[in-house]
Amino acid sequence: MMTLAQAQEGKEYIIQAIRTDDEDLESFLFSLGCYSGEPITVVSRRRGSCTVSIKDGRYSIDNLLAEAIEIFG
């Protein structure tokens, strides 16, 4: 299983699952369009975070959150 933290920049992946016990975090990600079956792309990486493209938006997420997002592609 691969996580978003391991994704290559510029390549589109499909979100397979969100692995977290934090319901607020899961709800927040869902409101961004980050849920199973949706495409996601890592636009750039910085130390401690990455910028992702989900639907028509770009968001900065930290590496801990990126580890919770399982992807395939």
PDB file of N, CA and C in Angstrom:
ATOM      1  N   MET A   1       0.841  -1.185   0.000  1.00  0.00           N
ATOM      2  CA  MET A   1       0.000   0.000   0.000  1.00  0.00           C
ATOM      3  C   MET A   1       0.883   1.244   0.000  1.00  0.00           C
ATOM      4  N   MET A   2       0.533   2.213  -0.811  1.00  0.00           N
ATOM      5  CA  MET A   2       1.304   3.439  -0.940  1.00  0.00           C
ATOM      6  C   MET A   2       0.526   4.607  -0.331  1.00  0.00           C
ATOM      7  N   THR A   3       1.241   5.523   0.307  1.00  0.00           N
ATOM      8  CA  THR A   3       0.596   6.708   0.859  1.00  0.00           C
ATOM      9  C   THR A   3       0.955   7.932   0.026  1.00  0.00           C
ATOM     10  N   LEU A   4       0.225   8.993   0.245  1.00  0.00           N
ATOM     11  CA  LEU A   4       0.476  10.229  -0.490  1.00  0.00           C
ATOM     12  C   LEU A   4       1.871  10.772  -0.207  1.00  0.00           C
ATOM     13  N   ALA A   5       2.411  10.484   0.954  1.00  0.00           N
ATOM     14  CA  ALA A   5       3.762  10.937   1.305  1.00  0.00           C
ATOM     15  C   ALA A   5       4.815  10.316   0.382  1.00  0.00           C
ATOM     16  N   GLN A   6       4.494   9.189  -0.248  1.00  0.00           N
ATOM     17  CA  GLN A   6       5.428   8.505  -1.140  1.00  0.00           C
ATOM     18  C   GLN A   6       5.186   8.825  -2.617  1.00  0.00           C
ATOM     19  N   ALA A   7       4.185   9.626  -2.914  1.00  0.00           N
ATOM     20  CA  ALA A   7       3.792   9.913  -4.294  1.00  0.00           C
ATOM     21  C   ALA A   7       4.811  10.789  -5.010  1.00  0.00           C
ATOM     22  N   GLN A   8       4.910  10.601  -6.316  1.00  0.00           N
ATOM     23  CA  GLN A   8       5.772  11.435  -7.154  1.00  0.00           C
ATOM     24  C   GLN A   8       5.055  12.741  -7.475  1.00  0.00           C
ATOM     25  N   GLU A   9       5.822  13.813  -7.555  1.00  0.00           N
ATOM     26  CA  GLU A   9       5.260  15.102  -7.945  1.00  0.00           C
ATOM     27  C   GLU A   9       4.762  15.033  -9.383  1.00  0.00           C
ATOM     28  N   GLY A  10       3.605  15.644  -9.621  1.00  0.00           N
ATOM     29  CA  GLY A  10       3.081  15.759 -10.973  1.00  0.00           C
ATOM     30  C   GLY A  10       2.316  14.566 -11.503  1.00  0.00           C
ATOM     31  N   LYS A  11       2.297  13.465 -10.788  1.00  0.00           N
ATOM     32  CA  LYS A  11       1.585  12.269 -11.233  1.00  0.00           C
ATOM     33  C   LYS A  11       0.233  12.181 -10.525  1.00  0.00           C
ATOM     34  N   GLU A  12      -0.805  11.860 -11.282  1.00  0.00           N
ATOM     35  CA  GLU A  12      -2.137  11.730 -10.690  1.00  0.00           C
ATOM     36  C   GLU A  12      -2.323  10.337 -10.095  1.00  0.00           C
ATOM     37  N   TYR A  13      -2.888  10.305  -8.913  1.00  0.00           N
ATOM     38  CA  TYR A  13      -3.196   9.059  -8.208  1.00  0.00           C
ATOM     39  C   TYR A  13      -4.674   9.055  -7.840  1.00  0.00           C
ATOM     40  N   ILE A  14      -5.173   7.905  -7.482  1.00  0.00           N
ATOM     41  CA  ILE A  14      -6.548   7.775  -7.005  1.00  0.00           C
ATOM     42  C   ILE A  14      -6.507   7.467  -5.508  1.00  0.00           C
ATOM     43  N   ILE A  15      -7.296   8.210  -4.740  1.00  0.00           N
ATOM     44  CA  ILE A  15      -7.359   7.976  -3.293  1.00  0.00           C
ATOM     45  C   ILE A  15      -8.075   6.653  -3.053  1.00  0.00           C
ATOM     46  N   GLN A  16      -7.429   5.784  -2.304  1.00  0.00           N
ATOM     47  CA  GLN A  16      -8.027   4.494  -1.987  1.00  0.00           C
ATOM     48  C   GLN A  16      -8.721   4.544  -0.631  1.00  0.00           C
ATOM     49  N   ALA A  17      -8.090   5.201   0.350  1.00  0.00           N
ATOM     50  CA  ALA A  17      -8.670   5.249   1.691  1.00  0.00           C
ATOM     51  C   ALA A  17      -8.010   6.358   2.504  1.00  0.00           C
ATOM     52  N   ILE A  18      -8.728   6.800   3.519  1.00  0.00           N
ATOM     53  CA  ILE A  18      -8.190   7.734   4.508  1.00  0.00           C
ATOM     54  C   ILE A  18      -8.077   6.944   5.805  1.00  0.00           C
ATOM     55  N   ARG A  19      -6.874   6.809   6.324  1.00  0.00           N
ATOM     56  CA  ARG A  19      -6.634   6.020   7.534  1.00  0.00           C
ATOM     57  C   ARG A  19      -6.386   6.949   8.719  1.00  0.00           C
ATOM     58  N   THR A  20      -7.459   7.293   9.426  1.00  0.00           N
ATOM     59  CA  THR A  20      -7.338   8.113  10.627  1.00  0.00           C
ATOM     60  C   THR A  20      -8.475   7.788  11.580  1.00  0.00           C
ATOM     61  N   ASP A  21      -8.215   7.926  12.868  1.00  0.00           N
ATOM     62  CA  ASP A  21      -9.250   7.739  13.881  1.00  0.00           C
ATOM     63  C   ASP A  21      -9.896   9.068  14.259  1.00  0.00           C
ATOM     64  N   ASP A  22      -9.402  10.169  13.688  1.00  0.00           N
ATOM     65  CA  ASP A  22      -9.891  11.514  13.986  1.00  0.00           C
ATOM     66  C   ASP A  22     -11.057  11.854  13.052  1.00  0.00           C
ATOM     67  N   GLU A  23     -12.281  11.834  13.593  1.00  0.00           N
ATOM     68  CA  GLU A  23     -13.464  12.086  12.773  1.00  0.00           C
ATOM     69  C   GLU A  23     -13.492  13.505  12.221  1.00  0.00           C
ATOM     70  N   ASP A  24     -13.005  14.479  13.002  1.00  0.00           N
ATOM     71  CA  ASP A  24     -12.967  15.862  12.521  1.00  0.00           C
ATOM     72  C   ASP A  24     -12.041  15.990  11.322  1.00  0.00           C
ATOM     73  N   LEU A  25     -10.902  15.328  11.393  1.00  0.00           N
ATOM     74  CA  LEU A  25      -9.951  15.353  10.288  1.00  0.00           C
ATOM     75  C   LEU A  25     -10.552  14.697   9.050  1.00  0.00           C
ATOM     76  N   GLU A  26     -11.203  13.591   9.239  1.00  0.00           N
ATOM     77  CA  GLU A  26     -11.833  12.895   8.123  1.00  0.00           C
ATOM     78  C   GLU A  26     -12.929  13.761   7.489  1.00  0.00           C
ATOM     79  N   SER A  27     -13.718  14.436   8.307  1.00  0.00           N
ATOM     80  CA  SER A  27     -14.754  15.337   7.798  1.00  0.00           C
ATOM     81  C   SER A  27     -14.148  16.511   7.043  1.00  0.00           C
ATOM     82  N   PHE A  28     -13.042  17.049   7.557  1.00  0.00           N
ATOM     83  CA  PHE A  28     -12.360  18.155   6.897  1.00  0.00           C
ATOM     84  C   PHE A  28     -11.863  17.725   5.520  1.00  0.00           C
ATOM     85  N   LEU A  29     -11.221  16.574   5.451  1.00  0.00           N
ATOM     86  CA  LEU A  29     -10.723  16.070   4.170  1.00  0.00           C
ATOM     87  C   LEU A  29     -11.868  15.829   3.189  1.00  0.00           C
ATOM     88  N   PHE A  30     -12.971  15.302   3.691  1.00  0.00           N
ATOM     89  CA  PHE A  30     -14.137  15.062   2.842  1.00  0.00           C
ATOM     90  C   PHE A  30     -14.652  16.376   2.268  1.00  0.00           C
ATOM     91  N   SER A  31     -14.647  17.437   3.071  1.00  0.00           N
ATOM     92  CA  SER A  31     -15.126  18.744   2.596  1.00  0.00           C
ATOM     93  C   SER A  31     -14.231  19.318   1.500  1.00  0.00           C
ATOM     94  N   LEU A  32     -12.960  18.897   1.471  1.00  0.00           N
ATOM     95  CA  LEU A  32     -12.041  19.329   0.415  1.00  0.00           C
ATOM     96  C   LEU A  32     -12.199  18.503  -0.855  1.00  0.00           C
ATOM     97  N   GLY A  33     -12.933  17.402  -0.753  1.00  0.00           N
ATOM     98  CA  GLY A  33     -13.069  16.499  -1.892  1.00  0.00           C
ATOM     99  C   GLY A  33     -12.081  15.358  -1.831  1.00  0.00           C
ATOM    100  N   CYS A  34     -11.467  15.171  -0.680  1.00  0.00           N
ATOM    101  CA  CYS A  34     -10.455  14.137  -0.486  1.00  0.00           C
ATOM    102  C   CYS A  34     -11.114  12.903   0.128  1.00  0.00           C
ATOM    103  N   TYR A  35     -11.560  11.989  -0.751  1.00  0.00           N
ATOM    104  CA  TYR A  35     -12.182  10.757  -0.289  1.00  0.00           C
ATOM    105  C   TYR A  35     -11.968   9.661  -1.322  1.00  0.00           C
ATOM    106  N   SER A  36     -12.276   8.462  -0.945  1.00  0.00           N
ATOM    107  CA  SER A  36     -12.018   7.291  -1.772  1.00  0.00           C
ATOM    108  C   SER A  36     -12.588   7.450  -3.185  1.00  0.00           C
ATOM    109  N   GLY A  37     -11.740   7.129  -4.174  1.00  0.00           N
ATOM    110  CA  GLY A  37     -12.157   7.174  -5.567  1.00  0.00           C
ATOM    111  C   GLY A  37     -11.830   8.476  -6.284  1.00  0.00           C
ATOM    112  N   GLU A  38     -11.417   9.497  -5.560  1.00  0.00           N
ATOM    113  CA  GLU A  38     -11.117  10.793  -6.167  1.00  0.00           C
ATOM    114  C   GLU A  38      -9.659  10.880  -6.603  1.00  0.00           C
ATOM    115  N   PRO A  39      -9.390  11.543  -7.728  1.00  0.00           N
ATOM    116  CA  PRO A  39      -8.001  11.751  -8.143  1.00  0.00           C
ATOM    117  C   PRO A  39      -7.322  12.822  -7.297  1.00  0.00           C
ATOM    118  N   ILE A  40      -6.020  12.658  -7.085  1.00  0.00           N
ATOM    119  CA  ILE A  40      -5.226  13.619  -6.321  1.00  0.00           C
ATOM    120  C   ILE A  40      -3.827  13.671  -6.928  1.00  0.00           C
ATOM    121  N   THR A  41      -3.244  14.850  -6.950  1.00  0.00           N
ATOM    122  CA  THR A  41      -1.905  15.042  -7.515  1.00  0.00           C
ATOM    123  C   THR A  41      -1.056  15.840  -6.548  1.00  0.00           C
ATOM    124  N   VAL A  42       0.181  15.396  -6.294  1.00  0.00           N
ATOM    125  CA  VAL A  42       1.122  16.186  -5.511  1.00  0.00           C
ATOM    126  C   VAL A  42       1.741  17.206  -6.461  1.00  0.00           C
ATOM    127  N   VAL A  43       1.481  18.485  -6.197  1.00  0.00           N
ATOM    128  CA  VAL A  43       1.975  19.560  -7.056  1.00  0.00           C
ATOM    129  C   VAL A  43       3.419  19.893  -6.700  1.00  0.00           C
ATOM    130  N   SER A  44       3.713  20.002  -5.397  1.00  0.00           N
ATOM    131  CA  SER A  44       5.082  20.302  -4.955  1.00  0.00           C
ATOM    132  C   SER A  44       5.273  19.823  -3.529  1.00  0.00           C
ATOM    133  N   ARG A  45       6.537  19.731  -3.135  1.00  0.00           N
ATOM    134  CA  ARG A  45       6.897  19.318  -1.780  1.00  0.00           C
ATOM    135  C   ARG A  45       7.791  20.363  -1.137  1.00  0.00           C
ATOM    136  N   ARG A  46       7.562  20.566   0.138  1.00  0.00           N
ATOM    137  CA  ARG A  46       8.447  21.388   0.959  1.00  0.00           C
ATOM    138  C   ARG A  46       8.773  20.571   2.186  1.00  0.00           C
ATOM    139  N   ARG A  47       9.772  21.007   2.930  1.00  0.00           N
ATOM    140  CA  ARG A  47      10.130  20.261   4.134  1.00  0.00           C
ATOM    141  C   ARG A  47       8.943  20.270   5.102  1.00  0.00           C
ATOM    142  N   GLY A  48       8.424  19.101   5.393  1.00  0.00           N
ATOM    143  CA  GLY A  48       7.337  18.980   6.356  1.00  0.00           C
ATOM    144  C   GLY A  48       5.940  19.049   5.773  1.00  0.00           C
ATOM    145  N   SER A  49       5.812  19.366   4.477  1.00  0.00           N
ATOM    146  CA  SER A  49       4.478  19.450   3.888  1.00  0.00           C
ATOM    147  C   SER A  49       4.528  19.249   2.372  1.00  0.00           C
ATOM    148  N   CYS A  50       3.348  19.151   1.786  1.00  0.00           N
ATOM    149  CA  CYS A  50       3.256  19.097   0.333  1.00  0.00           C
ATOM    150  C   CYS A  50       1.988  19.829  -0.107  1.00  0.00           C
ATOM    151  N   THR A  51       2.007  20.310  -1.340  1.00  0.00           N
ATOM    152  CA  THR A  51       0.841  20.954  -1.934  1.00  0.00           C
ATOM    153  C   THR A  51       0.195  19.946  -2.859  1.00  0.00           C
ATOM    154  N   VAL A  52      -1.114  19.756  -2.690  1.00  0.00           N
ATOM    155  CA  VAL A  52      -1.835  18.784  -3.503  1.00  0.00           C
ATOM    156  C   VAL A  52      -2.952  19.468  -4.276  1.00  0.00           C
ATOM    157  N   SER A  53      -3.304  18.866  -5.391  1.00  0.00           N
ATOM    158  CA  SER A  53      -4.426  19.326  -6.197  1.00  0.00           C
ATOM    159  C   SER A  53      -5.539  18.287  -6.087  1.00  0.00           C
ATOM    160  N   ILE A  54      -6.695  18.748  -5.602  1.00  0.00           N
ATOM    161  CA  ILE A  54      -7.881  17.894  -5.473  1.00  0.00           C
ATOM    162  C   ILE A  54      -9.025  18.659  -6.130  1.00  0.00           C
ATOM    163  N   LYS A  55      -9.678  18.032  -7.084  1.00  0.00           N
ATOM    164  CA  LYS A  55     -10.742  18.690  -7.855  1.00  0.00           C
ATOM    165  C   LYS A  55     -10.184  19.990  -8.434  1.00  0.00           C
ATOM    166  N   ASP A  56     -10.781  21.133  -8.152  1.00  0.00           N
ATOM    167  CA  ASP A  56     -10.314  22.405  -8.702  1.00  0.00           C
ATOM    168  C   ASP A  56      -9.494  23.209  -7.710  1.00  0.00           C
ATOM    169  N   GLY A  57      -9.125  22.619  -6.579  1.00  0.00           N
ATOM    170  CA  GLY A  57      -8.404  23.370  -5.548  1.00  0.00           C
ATOM    171  C   GLY A  57      -7.011  22.845  -5.293  1.00  0.00           C
ATOM    172  N   ARG A  58      -6.195  23.723  -4.698  1.00  0.00           N
ATOM    173  CA  ARG A  58      -4.858  23.336  -4.249  1.00  0.00           C
ATOM    174  C   ARG A  58      -4.773  23.575  -2.757  1.00  0.00           C
ATOM    175  N   TYR A  59      -4.212  22.603  -2.050  1.00  0.00           N
ATOM    176  CA  TYR A  59      -4.153  22.657  -0.590  1.00  0.00           C
ATOM    177  C   TYR A  59      -2.781  22.220  -0.110  1.00  0.00           C
ATOM    178  N   SER A  60      -2.331  22.826   0.964  1.00  0.00           N
ATOM    179  CA  SER A  60      -1.081  22.430   1.599  1.00  0.00           C
ATOM    180  C   SER A  60      -1.420  21.521   2.771  1.00  0.00           C
ATOM    181  N   ILE A  61      -0.822  20.338   2.787  1.00  0.00           N
ATOM    182  CA  ILE A  61      -1.052  19.400   3.894  1.00  0.00           C
ATOM    183  C   ILE A  61       0.285  18.965   4.465  1.00  0.00           C
ATOM    184  N   ASP A  62       0.296  18.672   5.757  1.00  0.00           N
ATOM    185  CA  ASP A  62       1.557  18.250   6.371  1.00  0.00           C
ATOM    186  C   ASP A  62       1.816  16.773   6.097  1.00  0.00           C
ATOM    187  N   ASN A  63       3.044  16.359   6.349  1.00  0.00           N
ATOM    188  CA  ASN A  63       3.444  14.992   6.031  1.00  0.00           C
ATOM    189  C   ASN A  63       2.702  13.939   6.851  1.00  0.00           C
ATOM    190  N   LEU A  64       2.306  14.262   8.074  1.00  0.00           N
ATOM    191  CA  LEU A  64       1.540  13.303   8.877  1.00  0.00           C
ATOM    192  C   LEU A  64       0.189  13.013   8.224  1.00  0.00           C
ATOM    193  N   LEU A  65      -0.444  14.053   7.717  1.00  0.00           N
ATOM    194  CA  LEU A  65      -1.714  13.874   7.028  1.00  0.00           C
ATOM    195  C   LEU A  65      -1.509  13.110   5.719  1.00  0.00           C
ATOM    196  N   ALA A  66      -0.432  13.418   5.012  1.00  0.00           N
ATOM    197  CA  ALA A  66      -0.130  12.713   3.764  1.00  0.00           C
ATOM    198  C   ALA A  66       0.057  11.218   4.003  1.00  0.00           C
ATOM    199  N   GLU A  67       0.601  10.857   5.160  1.00  0.00           N
ATOM    200  CA  GLU A  67       0.773   9.430   5.501  1.00  0.00           C
ATOM    201  C   GLU A  67      -0.570   8.744   5.732  1.00  0.00           C
ATOM    202  N   ALA A  68      -1.623   9.488   6.073  1.00  0.00           N
ATOM    203  CA  ALA A  68      -2.935   8.906   6.340  1.00  0.00           C
ATOM    204  C   ALA A  68      -3.740   8.671   5.071  1.00  0.00           C
ATOM    205  N   ILE A  69      -3.297   9.234   3.946  1.00  0.00           N
ATOM    206  CA  ILE A  69      -4.040   9.112   2.688  1.00  0.00           C
ATOM    207  C   ILE A  69      -3.403   8.020   1.839  1.00  0.00           C
ATOM    208  N   GLU A  70      -4.126   6.905   1.700  1.00  0.00           N
ATOM    209  CA  GLU A  70      -3.637   5.785   0.901  1.00  0.00           C
ATOM    210  C   GLU A  70      -4.087   5.974  -0.543  1.00  0.00           C
ATOM    211  N   ILE A  71      -3.154   5.716  -1.473  1.00  0.00           N
ATOM    212  CA  ILE A  71      -3.410   5.964  -2.893  1.00  0.00           C
ATOM    213  C   ILE A  71      -3.005   4.762  -3.736  1.00  0.00           C
ATOM    214  N   PHE A  72      -3.459   4.739  -4.964  1.00  0.00           N
ATOM    215  CA  PHE A  72      -2.943   3.800  -5.954  1.00  0.00           C
ATOM    216  C   PHE A  72      -2.941   4.499  -7.298  1.00  0.00           C
ATOM    217  N   GLY A  73      -2.150   3.968  -8.205  1.00  0.00           N
ATOM    218  CA  GLY A  73      -2.078   4.592  -9.526  1.00  0.00           C
ATOM    219  C   GLY A  73      -0.775   4.437 -10.093  1.00  0.00           C
TER     220      GLY A  73
END
